[in-house]
PDB file of N, CA and C in Angstrom:
ATOM      1  N   MET A   1       0.394  -1.579  -0.300  1.00  0.00           N
ATOM      2  CA  MET A   1       0.269   0.120  -0.034  1.00  0.00           C
ATOM      3  C   MET A   1       1.071   1.433  -0.106  1.00  0.00           C
ATOM      4  N   GLU A   2       2.340   0.985  -0.258  1.00  0.00           N
ATOM      5  CA  GLU A   2       3.165   2.599   0.801  1.00  0.00           C
ATOM      6  C   GLU A   2       3.204   3.038  -1.387  1.00  0.00           C
ATOM      7  N   GLN A   3       2.397   1.726  -2.319  1.00  0.00           N
ATOM      8  CA  GLN A   3       2.713   3.464  -3.245  1.00  0.00           C
ATOM      9  C   GLN A   3       1.947   4.307  -4.179  1.00  0.00           C
ATOM     10  N   LEU A   4       0.667   3.433  -2.850  1.00  0.00           N
ATOM     11  CA  LEU A   4      -0.474   4.304  -3.403  1.00  0.00           C
ATOM     12  C   LEU A   4      -0.898   5.470  -2.279  1.00  0.00           C
ATOM     13  N   PRO A   5      -0.839   7.195  -2.215  1.00  0.00           N
ATOM     14  CA  PRO A   5      -0.904   8.246  -1.803  1.00  0.00           C
ATOM     15  C   PRO A   5      -2.645   8.133  -1.079  1.00  0.00           C
ATOM     16  N   ILE A   6      -2.980   7.939   0.311  1.00  0.00           N
ATOM     17  CA  ILE A   6      -3.883   7.739   1.152  1.00  0.00           C
ATOM     18  C   ILE A   6      -4.834   8.753   0.308  1.00  0.00           C
ATOM     19  N   SER A   7      -4.783   9.147  -0.707  1.00  0.00           N
ATOM     20  CA  SER A   7      -5.949  10.463  -1.212  1.00  0.00           C
ATOM     21  C   SER A   7      -6.499   8.770  -2.441  1.00  0.00           C
ATOM     22  N   SER A   8      -5.823   8.205  -2.205  1.00  0.00           N
ATOM     23  CA  SER A   8      -6.055   7.326  -3.548  1.00  0.00           C
ATOM     24  C   SER A   8      -7.378   7.017  -2.815  1.00  0.00           C
ATOM     25  N   ARG A   9      -8.813   7.149  -3.378  1.00  0.00           N
ATOM     26  CA  ARG A   9      -9.822   5.572  -3.017  1.00  0.00           C
ATOM     27  C   ARG A   9      -9.950   4.119  -3.251  1.00  0.00           C
ATOM     28  N   TYR A  10      -8.741   3.985  -2.793  1.00  0.00           N
ATOM     29  CA  TYR A  10      -8.594   1.998  -2.586  1.00  0.00           C
ATOM     30  C   TYR A  10      -8.634   2.854  -0.826  1.00  0.00           C
ATOM     31  N   ARG A  11      -7.200   3.315  -0.559  1.00  0.00           N
ATOM     32  CA  ARG A  11      -6.680   3.070   0.236  1.00  0.00           C
ATOM     33  C   ARG A  11      -8.084   4.328   1.661  1.00  0.00           C
ATOM     34  N   SER A  12      -8.638   5.218   0.935  1.00  0.00           N
ATOM     35  CA  SER A  12      -9.486   6.148   2.343  1.00  0.00           C
ATOM     36  C   SER A  12     -10.399   5.500   2.020  1.00  0.00           C
ATOM     37  N   ARG A  13     -11.376   4.933   0.745  1.00  0.00           N
ATOM     38  CA  ARG A  13     -12.666   3.859   1.044  1.00  0.00           C
ATOM     39  C   ARG A  13     -12.524   2.939   0.995  1.00  0.00           C
ATOM     40  N   PRO A  14     -11.460   1.858   1.607  1.00  0.00           N
ATOM     41  CA  PRO A  14     -10.818   0.283   1.588  1.00  0.00           C
ATOM     42  C   PRO A  14     -12.724  -0.293   1.507  1.00  0.00           C
ATOM     43  N   ASP A  15     -13.623   0.152   2.265  1.00  0.00           N
ATOM     44  CA  ASP A  15     -14.647  -0.677   2.665  1.00  0.00           C
ATOM     45  C   ASP A  15     -15.414  -0.364   1.130  1.00  0.00           C
ATOM     46  N   GLU A  16     -15.725   0.423   0.888  1.00  0.00           N
ATOM     47  CA  GLU A  16     -16.833   0.216  -0.216  1.00  0.00           C
ATOM     48  C   GLU A  16     -16.423  -0.287  -1.767  1.00  0.00           C
ATOM     49  N   PRO A  17     -17.986  -0.731  -1.903  1.00  0.00           N
ATOM     50  CA  PRO A  17     -17.904  -2.149  -3.098  1.00  0.00           C
ATOM     51  C   PRO A  17     -17.740  -0.826  -4.497  1.00  0.00           C
ATOM     52  N   VAL A  18     -17.076  -1.904  -5.224  1.00  0.00           N
ATOM     53  CA  VAL A  18     -16.974  -2.003  -6.817  1.00  0.00           C
ATOM     54  C   VAL A  18     -17.460  -1.371  -7.788  1.00  0.00           C
ATOM     55  N   SER A  19     -17.993  -0.911  -7.699  1.00  0.00           N
ATOM     56  CA  SER A  19     -18.329  -0.963  -8.905  1.00  0.00           C
ATOM     57  C   SER A  19     -18.710  -1.505  -9.834  1.00  0.00           C
ATOM     58  N   GLU A  20     -19.503  -1.412 -11.273  1.00  0.00           N
ATOM     59  CA  GLU A  20     -19.044  -1.636 -12.842  1.00  0.00           C
ATOM     60  C   GLU A  20     -18.221  -0.703 -13.478  1.00  0.00           C
ATOM     61  N   ASP A  21     -18.439   0.734 -13.136  1.00  0.00           N
ATOM     62  CA  ASP A  21     -17.885   1.529 -14.095  1.00  0.00           C
ATOM     63  C   ASP A  21     -16.356   1.423 -13.649  1.00  0.00           C
ATOM     64  N   GLU A  22     -15.823   1.285 -12.029  1.00  0.00           N
ATOM     65  CA  GLU A  22     -14.623   1.027 -11.685  1.00  0.00           C
ATOM     66  C   GLU A  22     -14.280  -0.157 -12.559  1.00  0.00           C
ATOM     67  N   ARG A  23     -14.397  -1.378 -12.262  1.00  0.00           N
ATOM     68  CA  ARG A  23     -14.608  -2.380 -12.605  1.00  0.00           C
ATOM     69  C   ARG A  23     -13.871  -2.451 -13.921  1.00  0.00           C
ATOM     70  N   THR A  24     -14.681  -1.760 -15.012  1.00  0.00           N
ATOM     71  CA  THR A  24     -14.130  -1.039 -16.107  1.00  0.00           C
ATOM     72  C   THR A  24     -12.639  -0.489 -16.730  1.00  0.00           C
ATOM     73  N   GLU A  25     -12.391   0.085 -15.596  1.00  0.00           N
ATOM     74  CA  GLU A  25     -11.526   1.277 -16.387  1.00  0.00           C
ATOM     75  C   GLU A  25     -10.635   0.486 -15.797  1.00  0.00           C
ATOM     76  N   LEU A  26     -10.030   0.137 -14.409  1.00  0.00           N
ATOM     77  CA  LEU A  26      -9.546  -0.838 -14.265  1.00  0.00           C
ATOM     78  C   LEU A  26      -8.935  -2.112 -15.468  1.00  0.00           C
ATOM     79  N   ASN A  27     -10.106  -2.469 -16.305  1.00  0.00           N
ATOM     80  CA  ASN A  27      -9.634  -3.892 -17.133  1.00  0.00           C
ATOM     81  C   ASN A  27      -9.265  -3.360 -18.160  1.00  0.00           C
ATOM     82  N   ALA A  28      -9.059  -1.573 -18.556  1.00  0.00           N
ATOM     83  CA  ALA A  28      -9.386  -1.712 -19.542  1.00  0.00           C
ATOM     84  C   ALA A  28      -7.602  -0.829 -18.992  1.00  0.00           C
ATOM     85  N   ARG A  29      -6.827  -0.191 -18.142  1.00  0.00           N
ATOM     86  CA  ARG A  29      -5.777   0.091 -17.815  1.00  0.00           C
ATOM     87  C   ARG A  29      -4.915  -1.556 -18.139  1.00  0.00           C
ATOM     88  N   LEU A  30      -5.404  -2.693 -17.268  1.00  0.00           N
ATOM     89  CA  LEU A  30      -4.953  -3.491 -17.030  1.00  0.00           C
ATOM     90  C   LEU A  30      -4.291  -3.802 -18.658  1.00  0.00           C
ATOM     91  N   ASN A  31      -5.544  -3.798 -19.305  1.00  0.00           N
ATOM     92  CA  ASN A  31      -5.624  -4.634 -20.911  1.00  0.00           C
ATOM     93  C   ASN A  31      -4.215  -3.779 -21.383  1.00  0.00           C
ATOM     94  N   THR A  32      -3.833  -2.516 -21.046  1.00  0.00           N
ATOM     95  CA  THR A  32      -3.324  -1.236 -22.500  1.00  0.00           C
ATOM     96  C   THR A  32      -1.712  -1.585 -21.895  1.00  0.00           C
ATOM     97  N   ALA A  33      -1.838  -1.776 -20.499  1.00  0.00           N
ATOM     98  CA  ALA A  33       0.002  -2.554 -19.598  1.00  0.00           C
ATOM     99  C   ALA A  33       0.478  -3.504 -19.817  1.00  0.00           C
ATOM    100  N   TYR A  34      -0.834  -4.372 -19.705  1.00  0.00           N
ATOM    101  CA  TYR A  34      -0.679  -5.879 -20.687  1.00  0.00           C
ATOM    102  C   TYR A  34       0.238  -5.839 -22.124  1.00  0.00           C
ATOM    103  N   THR A  35      -1.080  -4.788 -23.115  1.00  0.00           N
ATOM    104  CA  THR A  35      -0.092  -4.976 -24.230  1.00  0.00           C
ATOM    105  C   THR A  35       0.769  -4.050 -23.937  1.00  0.00           C
ATOM    106  N   ASP A  36       1.295  -2.643 -23.674  1.00  0.00           N
ATOM    107  CA  ASP A  36       2.046  -1.962 -24.360  1.00  0.00           C
ATOM    108  C   ASP A  36       3.940  -2.993 -23.279  1.00  0.00           C
ATOM    109  N   GLY A  37       3.162  -4.207 -23.289  1.00  0.00           N
ATOM    110  CA  GLY A  37       4.481  -4.447 -22.061  1.00  0.00           C
ATOM    111  C   GLY A  37       5.009  -4.487 -20.780  1.00  0.00           C
ATOM    112  N   SER A  38       4.298  -3.071 -19.940  1.00  0.00           N
ATOM    113  CA  SER A  38       4.553  -2.955 -18.554  1.00  0.00           C
ATOM    114  C   SER A  38       4.090  -4.359 -17.287  1.00  0.00           C
ATOM    115  N   LEU A  39       3.526  -5.113 -17.712  1.00  0.00           N
ATOM    116  CA  LEU A  39       3.068  -6.012 -17.235  1.00  0.00           C
ATOM    117  C   LEU A  39       3.309  -7.207 -17.789  1.00  0.00           C
ATOM    118  N   ALA A  40       3.609  -9.085 -16.784  1.00  0.00           N
ATOM    119  CA  ALA A  40       3.986  -9.721 -17.581  1.00  0.00           C
ATOM    120  C   ALA A  40       2.773 -10.737 -17.905  1.00  0.00           C
ATOM    121  N   GLU A  41       2.797 -11.693 -18.209  1.00  0.00           N
ATOM    122  CA  GLU A  41       1.563 -12.202 -18.186  1.00  0.00           C
ATOM    123  C   GLU A  41       0.988 -13.366 -16.905  1.00  0.00           C
ATOM    124  N   ASP A  42       1.727 -13.612 -16.106  1.00  0.00           N
ATOM    125  CA  ASP A  42       1.980 -14.122 -15.508  1.00  0.00           C
ATOM    126  C   ASP A  42       1.155 -12.397 -14.131  1.00  0.00           C
ATOM    127  N   ASP A  43       1.372 -11.980 -14.387  1.00  0.00           N
ATOM    128  CA  ASP A  43       1.015 -10.685 -13.519  1.00  0.00           C
ATOM    129  C   ASP A  43      -0.668  -9.647 -13.541  1.00  0.00           C
ATOM    130  N   TYR A  44       0.060 -10.299 -14.723  1.00  0.00           N
ATOM    131  CA  TYR A  44      -1.398  -9.359 -16.247  1.00  0.00           C
ATOM    132  C   TYR A  44      -2.442 -10.543 -15.459  1.00  0.00           C
ATOM    133  N   ARG A  45      -2.844 -11.813 -15.803  1.00  0.00           N
ATOM    134  CA  ARG A  45      -3.687 -12.921 -15.052  1.00  0.00           C
ATOM    135  C   ARG A  45      -3.417 -12.358 -14.011  1.00  0.00           C
ATOM    136  N   ALA A  46      -2.887 -12.227 -12.647  1.00  0.00           N
ATOM    137  CA  ALA A  46      -3.274 -12.593 -10.774  1.00  0.00           C
ATOM    138  C   ALA A  46      -3.999 -11.307 -11.032  1.00  0.00           C
ATOM    139  N   ARG A  47      -3.337  -9.937 -11.685  1.00  0.00           N
ATOM    140  CA  ARG A  47      -3.953  -9.429 -10.734  1.00  0.00           C
ATOM    141  C   ARG A  47      -5.636  -8.822 -11.708  1.00  0.00           C
ATOM    142  N   MET A  48      -6.360  -9.942 -12.906  1.00  0.00           N
ATOM    143  CA  MET A  48      -7.503  -9.922 -13.530  1.00  0.00           C
ATOM    144  C   MET A  48      -8.221 -10.733 -12.957  1.00  0.00           C
ATOM    145  N   ASP A  49      -7.557 -11.787 -11.679  1.00  0.00           N
ATOM    146  CA  ASP A  49      -9.091 -12.742 -11.029  1.00  0.00           C
ATOM    147  C   ASP A  49      -9.012 -12.233 -10.063  1.00  0.00           C
ATOM    148  N   THR A  50      -7.559 -11.239  -9.367  1.00  0.00           N
ATOM    149  CA  THR A  50      -8.083  -9.857  -8.739  1.00  0.00           C
ATOM    150  C   THR A  50      -8.893  -9.029  -8.742  1.00  0.00           C
ATOM    151  N   LEU A  51      -9.233  -8.416 -10.082  1.00  0.00           N
ATOM    152  CA  LEU A  51     -10.547  -7.210  -9.277  1.00  0.00           C
ATOM    153  C   LEU A  51     -11.267  -7.894 -10.561  1.00  0.00           C
ATOM    154  N   PHE A  52     -11.921  -9.222 -10.686  1.00  0.00           N
ATOM    155  CA  PHE A  52     -13.305 -10.288 -10.795  1.00  0.00           C
ATOM    156  C   PHE A  52     -13.487 -10.234  -9.676  1.00  0.00           C
ATOM    157  N   ALA A  53     -12.477 -10.802  -8.942  1.00  0.00           N
ATOM    158  CA  ALA A  53     -13.639 -11.232  -7.108  1.00  0.00           C
ATOM    159  C   ALA A  53     -13.640 -10.115  -6.639  1.00  0.00           C
ATOM    160  N   ALA A  54     -12.718  -8.859  -6.572  1.00  0.00           N
ATOM    161  CA  ALA A  54     -12.988  -8.302  -5.559  1.00  0.00           C
ATOM    162  C   ALA A  54     -14.782  -7.596  -4.752  1.00  0.00           C
ATOM    163  N   THR A  55     -14.912  -7.646  -4.217  1.00  0.00           N
ATOM    164  CA  THR A  55     -15.788  -6.566  -3.712  1.00  0.00           C
ATOM    165  C   THR A  55     -16.090  -5.364  -3.309  1.00  0.00           C
ATOM    166  N   THR A  56     -14.368  -4.706  -2.578  1.00  0.00           N
ATOM    167  CA  THR A  56     -14.218  -3.505  -1.748  1.00  0.00           C
ATOM    168  C   THR A  56     -12.922  -2.626  -2.793  1.00  0.00           C
ATOM    169  N   LEU A  57     -13.397  -1.522  -2.105  1.00  0.00           N
ATOM    170  CA  LEU A  57     -12.404  -1.264  -3.226  1.00  0.00           C
ATOM    171  C   LEU A  57     -10.733  -1.354  -2.764  1.00  0.00           C
ATOM    172  N   GLY A  58     -11.014  -1.498  -1.542  1.00  0.00           N
ATOM    173  CA  GLY A  58      -9.581  -2.403  -0.757  1.00  0.00           C
ATOM    174  C   GLY A  58      -8.930  -3.420  -1.161  1.00  0.00           C
ATOM    175  N   GLU A  59      -9.343  -3.927  -1.710  1.00  0.00           N
ATOM    176  CA  GLU A  59      -9.179  -5.316  -2.820  1.00  0.00           C
ATOM    177  C   GLU A  59      -8.491  -5.137  -4.039  1.00  0.00           C
ATOM    178  N   LEU A  60      -7.853  -4.066  -4.627  1.00  0.00           N
ATOM    179  CA  LEU A  60      -8.634  -3.690  -5.293  1.00  0.00           C
ATOM    180  C   LEU A  60      -6.874  -2.816  -5.593  1.00  0.00           C
ATOM    181  N   VAL A  61      -6.184  -2.941  -4.769  1.00  0.00           N
ATOM    182  CA  VAL A  61      -5.239  -2.691  -4.135  1.00  0.00           C
ATOM    183  C   VAL A  61      -3.777  -3.088  -5.252  1.00  0.00           C
ATOM    184  N   PRO A  62      -3.363  -4.525  -4.905  1.00  0.00           N
ATOM    185  CA  PRO A  62      -2.269  -4.747  -5.827  1.00  0.00           C
ATOM    186  C   PRO A  62      -2.947  -5.141  -7.486  1.00  0.00           C
ATOM    187  N   VAL A  63      -4.766  -4.220  -7.586  1.00  0.00           N
ATOM    188  CA  VAL A  63      -4.044  -4.890  -8.607  1.00  0.00           C
ATOM    189  C   VAL A  63      -3.624  -2.942  -9.073  1.00  0.00           C
ATOM    190  N   VAL A  64      -3.572  -2.046  -8.712  1.00  0.00           N
ATOM    191  CA  VAL A  64      -3.626  -1.298  -9.208  1.00  0.00           C
ATOM    192  C   VAL A  64      -2.208  -0.983  -8.443  1.00  0.00           C
ATOM    193  N   GLN A  65      -1.473  -0.983  -7.471  1.00  0.00           N
ATOM    194  CA  GLN A  65      -0.370  -0.139  -7.411  1.00  0.00           C
ATOM    195  C   GLN A  65       0.578  -1.039  -8.680  1.00  0.00           C
ATOM    196  N   GLY A  66       1.411  -0.143  -9.148  1.00  0.00           N
ATOM    197  CA  GLY A  66       2.552  -0.606 -10.113  1.00  0.00           C
ATOM    198  C   GLY A  66       1.692   0.514 -11.090  1.00  0.00           C
ATOM    199  N   LEU A  67       0.564   0.368 -11.891  1.00  0.00           N
ATOM    200  CA  LEU A  67      -0.450   0.875 -12.743  1.00  0.00           C
ATOM    201  C   LEU A  67       0.219   1.751 -13.301  1.00  0.00           C
ATOM    202  N   ALA A  68       0.251   2.975 -14.266  1.00  0.00           N
ATOM    203  CA  ALA A  68       0.345   4.004 -15.139  1.00  0.00           C
ATOM    204  C   ALA A  68      -0.491   4.387 -14.237  1.00  0.00           C
ATOM    205  N   PRO A  69      -0.767   5.884 -14.081  1.00  0.00           N
ATOM    206  CA  PRO A  69      -1.637   6.975 -13.310  1.00  0.00           C
ATOM    207  C   PRO A  69      -2.570   6.759 -14.586  1.00  0.00           C
ATOM    208  N   ALA A  70      -4.053   6.581 -14.061  1.00  0.00           N
ATOM    209  CA  ALA A  70      -4.832   6.966 -14.610  1.00  0.00           C
ATOM    210  C   ALA A  70      -4.978   8.847 -15.737  1.00  0.00           C
ATOM    211  N   PRO A  71      -5.342   9.287 -16.917  1.00  0.00           N
ATOM    212  CA  PRO A  71      -5.356  10.358 -17.086  1.00  0.00           C
ATOM    213  C   PRO A  71      -6.508  11.274 -16.223  1.00  0.00           C
ATOM    214  N   THR A  72      -6.751  12.210 -15.813  1.00  0.00           N
ATOM    215  CA  THR A  72      -7.649  12.964 -15.175  1.00  0.00           C
ATOM    216  C   THR A  72      -8.311  14.385 -16.136  1.00  0.00           C
ATOM    217  N   HIS A  73      -7.521  13.963 -17.430  1.00  0.00           N
ATOM    218  CA  HIS A  73      -7.870  15.491 -18.335  1.00  0.00           C
ATOM    219  C   HIS A  73      -7.660  14.971 -19.548  1.00  0.00           C
ATOM    220  N   ALA A  74      -8.764  15.414 -20.359  1.00  0.00           N
ATOM    221  CA  ALA A  74      -8.258  15.483 -21.898  1.00  0.00           C
ATOM    222  C   ALA A  74      -7.412  16.169 -22.644  1.00  0.00           C
ATOM    223  N   GLN A  75      -6.218  15.285 -23.282  1.00  0.00           N
ATOM    224  CA  GLN A  75      -5.895  15.569 -24.915  1.00  0.00           C
ATOM    225  C   GLN A  75      -6.602  17.199 -24.882  1.00  0.00           C
ATOM    226  N   PRO A  76      -6.068  18.595 -24.823  1.00  0.00           N
ATOM    227  CA  PRO A  76      -6.908  19.558 -26.026  1.00  0.00           C
ATOM    228  C   PRO A  76      -6.455  18.971 -27.620  1.00  0.00           C
ATOM    229  N   ALA A  77      -7.406  19.569 -28.158  1.00  0.00           N
ATOM    230  CA  ALA A  77      -7.373  19.001 -29.349  1.00  0.00           C
ATOM    231  C   ALA A  77      -6.583  20.360 -30.192  1.00  0.00           C
ATOM    232  N   ILE A  78      -5.392  20.642 -29.943  1.00  0.00           N
ATOM    233  CA  ILE A  78      -4.382  21.885 -31.025  1.00  0.00           C
ATOM    234  C   ILE A  78      -2.998  20.347 -29.923  1.00  0.00           C
ATOM    235  N   VAL A  79      -3.304  20.239 -29.604  1.00  0.00           N
ATOM    236  CA  VAL A  79      -1.827  19.191 -28.357  1.00  0.00           C
ATOM    237  C   VAL A  79      -1.662  18.043 -30.049  1.00  0.00           C
ATOM    238  N   SER A  80      -3.238  17.409 -30.125  1.00  0.00           N
ATOM    239  CA  SER A  80      -3.665  16.257 -30.628  1.00  0.00           C
ATOM    240  C   SER A  80      -2.478  16.268 -32.203  1.00  0.00           C
ATOM    241  N   GLN A  81      -1.950  15.050 -31.820  1.00  0.00           N
ATOM    242  CA  GLN A  81      -1.118  15.189 -33.541  1.00  0.00           C
ATOM    243  C   GLN A  81      -2.258  14.344 -34.742  1.00  0.00           C
ATOM    244  N   GLN A  82      -1.538  15.052 -36.173  1.00  0.00           N
ATOM    245  CA  GLN A  82      -2.939  13.848 -36.620  1.00  0.00           C
ATOM    246  C   GLN A  82      -1.913  12.750 -37.235  1.00  0.00           C
ATOM    247  N   GLY A  83      -0.796  13.593 -37.984  1.00  0.00           N
ATOM    248  CA  GLY A  83       0.634  12.234 -38.825  1.00  0.00           C
ATOM    249  C   GLY A  83       1.116  11.556 -36.840  1.00  0.00           C
ATOM    250  N   ARG A  84       1.898  10.896 -38.433  1.00  0.00           N
ATOM    251  CA  ARG A  84       3.284  11.470 -37.696  1.00  0.00           C
ATOM    252  C   ARG A  84       4.595  12.520 -37.833  1.00  0.00           C
ATOM    253  N   PRO A  85       5.666  12.380 -36.230  1.00  0.00           N
ATOM    254  CA  PRO A  85       6.433  13.622 -36.835  1.00  0.00           C
ATOM    255  C   PRO A  85       6.979  13.951 -37.868  1.00  0.00           C
ATOM    256  N   GLY A  86       7.185  15.364 -37.867  1.00  0.00           N
ATOM    257  CA  GLY A  86       7.395  15.704 -39.428  1.00  0.00           C
ATOM    258  C   GLY A  86       6.398  15.473 -40.570  1.00  0.00           C
ATOM    259  N   GLU A  87       6.092  14.997 -40.428  1.00  0.00           N
ATOM    260  CA  GLU A  87       5.225  15.239 -41.772  1.00  0.00           C
ATOM    261  C   GLU A  87       3.854  16.052 -42.009  1.00  0.00           C
ATOM    262  N   LEU A  88       3.697  16.498 -42.935  1.00  0.00           N
ATOM    263  CA  LEU A  88       3.269  17.222 -43.309  1.00  0.00           C
ATOM    264  C   LEU A  88       1.601  17.308 -43.214  1.00  0.00           C
ATOM    265  N   SER A  89       1.173  17.826 -43.255  1.00  0.00           N
ATOM    266  CA  SER A  89      -0.431  17.733 -43.395  1.00  0.00           C
ATOM    267  C   SER A  89      -0.566  17.925 -45.097  1.00  0.00           C
ATOM    268  N   GLU A  90      -1.890  17.054 -45.523  1.00  0.00           N
ATOM    269  CA  GLU A  90      -2.568  17.197 -46.982  1.00  0.00           C
ATOM    270  C   GLU A  90      -2.885  18.862 -47.022  1.00  0.00           C
ATOM    271  N   SER A  91      -2.760  19.912 -47.934  1.00  0.00           N
ATOM    272  CA  SER A  91      -3.536  20.614 -48.434  1.00  0.00           C
ATOM    273  C   SER A  91      -5.060  20.760 -48.323  1.00  0.00           C
ATOM    274  N   ARG A  92      -5.577  21.660 -47.641  1.00  0.00           N
ATOM    275  CA  ARG A  92      -6.827  22.149 -47.579  1.00  0.00           C
ATOM    276  C   ARG A  92      -7.310  22.666 -49.211  1.00  0.00           C
ATOM    277  N   ARG A  93      -8.125  22.657 -49.869  1.00  0.00           N
ATOM    278  CA  ARG A  93      -8.702  22.514 -50.792  1.00  0.00           C
ATOM    279  C   ARG A  93      -9.656  24.422 -50.548  1.00  0.00           C
ATOM    280  N   PRO A  94      -9.211  25.002 -51.463  1.00  0.00           N
ATOM    281  CA  PRO A  94     -10.381  26.155 -51.619  1.00  0.00           C
ATOM    282  C   PRO A  94     -11.666  26.357 -51.408  1.00  0.00           C
ATOM    283  N   GLY A  95     -12.602  26.392 -50.445  1.00  0.00           N
ATOM    284  CA  GLY A  95     -14.083  25.827 -50.088  1.00  0.00           C
ATOM    285  C   GLY A  95     -14.923  27.212 -50.546  1.00  0.00           C
ATOM    286  N   GLY A  96     -15.391  26.878 -50.300  1.00  0.00           N
ATOM    287  CA  GLY A  96     -16.624  27.463 -49.956  1.00  0.00           C
ATOM    288  C   GLY A  96     -16.417  29.244 -49.360  1.00  0.00           C
ATOM    289  N   MET A  97     -15.796  29.461 -49.042  1.00  0.00           N
ATOM    290  CA  MET A  97     -15.106  30.549 -48.531  1.00  0.00           C
ATOM    291  C   MET A  97     -14.590  31.432 -50.012  1.00  0.00           C
ATOM    292  N   ALA A  98     -13.893  30.603 -50.916  1.00  0.00           N
ATOM    293  CA  ALA A  98     -13.574  31.566 -51.348  1.00  0.00           C
ATOM    294  C   ALA A  98     -14.768  31.228 -52.589  1.00  0.00           C
ATOM    295  N   VAL A  99     -15.767  30.472 -53.019  1.00  0.00           N
ATOM    296  CA  VAL A  99     -16.567  31.177 -53.808  1.00  0.00           C
ATOM    297  C   VAL A  99     -17.631  32.155 -53.040  1.00  0.00           C
ATOM    298  N   GLY A 100     -18.123  32.109 -52.002  1.00  0.00           N
ATOM    299  CA  GLY A 100     -19.084  32.788 -51.212  1.00  0.00           C
ATOM    300  C   GLY A 100     -18.255  34.385 -51.964  1.00  0.00           C
ATOM    301  N   VAL A 101     -17.032  34.488 -52.228  1.00  0.00           N
ATOM    302  CA  VAL A 101     -16.338  35.880 -51.822  1.00  0.00           C
ATOM    303  C   VAL A 101     -16.911  36.255 -53.641  1.00  0.00           C
ATOM    304  N   ALA A 102     -16.894  35.351 -54.163  1.00  0.00           N
ATOM    305  CA  ALA A 102     -16.210  35.627 -55.300  1.00  0.00           C
ATOM    306  C   ALA A 102     -18.523  35.750 -56.240  1.00  0.00           C
ATOM    307  N   ALA A 103     -18.772  35.669 -55.170  1.00  0.00           N
ATOM    308  CA  ALA A 103     -20.030  35.431 -55.469  1.00  0.00           C
ATOM    309  C   ALA A 103     -20.894  37.095 -55.069  1.00  0.00           C
ATOM    310  N   ALA A 104     -19.820  36.784 -53.935  1.00  0.00           N
ATOM    311  CA  ALA A 104     -20.253  38.352 -53.104  1.00  0.00           C
ATOM    312  C   ALA A 104     -19.737  39.472 -54.370  1.00  0.00           C
ATOM    313  N   VAL A 105     -19.218  39.791 -54.797  1.00  0.00           N
ATOM    314  CA  VAL A 105     -18.549  39.980 -56.059  1.00  0.00           C
ATOM    315  C   VAL A 105     -18.970  40.098 -57.397  1.00  0.00           C
ATOM    316  N   VAL A 106     -19.118  39.526 -57.396  1.00  0.00           N
ATOM    317  CA  VAL A 106     -20.439  38.667 -59.034  1.00  0.00           C
ATOM    318  C   VAL A 106     -21.682  39.581 -58.244  1.00  0.00           C
ATOM    319  N   ALA A 107     -22.729  39.453 -57.609  1.00  0.00           N
ATOM    320  CA  ALA A 107     -23.390  39.924 -56.672  1.00  0.00           C
ATOM    321  C   ALA A 107     -23.529  41.812 -57.212  1.00  0.00           C
ATOM    322  N   GLY A 108     -22.522  42.534 -55.968  1.00  0.00           N
ATOM    323  CA  GLY A 108     -21.644  44.047 -56.276  1.00  0.00           C
ATOM    324  C   GLY A 108     -21.970  44.704 -57.571  1.00  0.00           C
ATOM    325  N   GLY A 109     -21.132  44.035 -58.537  1.00  0.00           N
ATOM    326  CA  GLY A 109     -21.029  44.728 -60.199  1.00  0.00           C
ATOM    327  C   GLY A 109     -22.328  44.429 -60.711  1.00  0.00           C
ATOM    328  N   ILE A 110     -23.221  43.066 -60.583  1.00  0.00           N
ATOM    329  CA  ILE A 110     -24.264  43.585 -61.327  1.00  0.00           C
ATOM    330  C   ILE A 110     -24.530  44.885 -61.072  1.00  0.00           C
ATOM    331  N   LEU A 111     -25.411  44.363 -59.246  1.00  0.00           N
ATOM    332  CA  LEU A 111     -26.185  45.768 -58.965  1.00  0.00           C
ATOM    333  C   LEU A 111     -25.337  47.170 -58.986  1.00  0.00           C
ATOM    334  N   VAL A 112     -24.139  47.330 -59.766  1.00  0.00           N
ATOM    335  CA  VAL A 112     -23.783  48.748 -59.929  1.00  0.00           C
ATOM    336  C   VAL A 112     -24.149  49.123 -61.341  1.00  0.00           C
ATOM    337  N   ALA A 113     -24.173  48.216 -62.109  1.00  0.00           N
ATOM    338  CA  ALA A 113     -24.353  48.313 -63.323  1.00  0.00           C
ATOM    339  C   ALA A 113     -25.844  48.364 -64.012  1.00  0.00           C
ATOM    340  N   VAL A 114     -26.497  47.650 -62.643  1.00  0.00           N
ATOM    341  CA  VAL A 114     -28.260  47.983 -62.749  1.00  0.00           C
ATOM    342  C   VAL A 114     -28.534  49.095 -62.569  1.00  0.00           C
ATOM    343  N   LEU A 115     -27.609  50.040 -61.916  1.00  0.00           N
ATOM    344  CA  LEU A 115     -27.855  51.536 -61.304  1.00  0.00           C
ATOM    345  C   LEU A 115     -27.064  52.421 -62.129  1.00  0.00           C
ATOM    346  N   LEU A 116     -26.225  52.282 -62.576  1.00  0.00           N
ATOM    347  CA  LEU A 116     -25.803  52.720 -64.121  1.00  0.00           C
ATOM    348  C   LEU A 116     -27.374  53.333 -65.114  1.00  0.00           C
ATOM    349  N   VAL A 117     -27.665  51.738 -65.599  1.00  0.00           N
ATOM    350  CA  VAL A 117     -28.950  52.482 -66.872  1.00  0.00           C
ATOM    351  C   VAL A 117     -29.477  52.640 -65.930  1.00  0.00           C
ATOM    352  N   LEU A 118     -29.823  52.667 -64.500  1.00  0.00           N
ATOM    353  CA  LEU A 118     -31.523  53.581 -64.272  1.00  0.00           C
ATOM    354  C   LEU A 118     -30.558  55.061 -64.525  1.00  0.00           C
ATOM    355  N   LEU A 119     -29.481  55.250 -63.862  1.00  0.00           N
ATOM    356  CA  LEU A 119     -29.613  56.844 -63.591  1.00  0.00           C
ATOM    357  C   LEU A 119     -29.140  57.461 -65.274  1.00  0.00           C
ATOM    358  N   LEU A 120     -28.279  56.954 -66.720  1.00  0.00           N
ATOM    359  CA  LEU A 120     -28.665  56.972 -67.433  1.00  0.00           C
ATOM    360  C   LEU A 120     -29.672  57.794 -67.667  1.00  0.00           C
ATOM    361  N   LEU A 121     -31.131  56.426 -67.993  1.00  0.00           N
ATOM    362  CA  LEU A 121     -32.122  56.493 -68.264  1.00  0.00           C
ATOM    363  C   LEU A 121     -32.705  57.473 -67.950  1.00  0.00           C
ATOM    364  N   LEU A 122     -32.664  57.889 -66.984  1.00  0.00           N
ATOM    365  CA  LEU A 122     -33.504  58.988 -65.816  1.00  0.00           C
ATOM    366  C   LEU A 122     -33.067  60.304 -66.601  1.00  0.00           C
TER     367      LEU A 122
END
């Protein structure tokens, strides 16, 4: 238990029942750790057995110890990477904005021409 801070819900509320959301989140974290190579197969299987046998949060301490902490916030969109580092993104086609500006210029020209014809006829 020394690895978990006292503020951890597993230490501060050890008698609280395990929710299905908690079990699902820990299952995903264990799967990620195993896929990344952070957990050996035997350790992974033992933690999974403990996870699904646990009825209280305190029983999940051996499952959580040593896992990377869960992210507490989402990554901002401006920081997220779309491609590989150093790879340029595809250029965007000049779409709706250019067409809108061109249509406004043409409409303005027609309006000016109509007004000039009306002024000359009067």
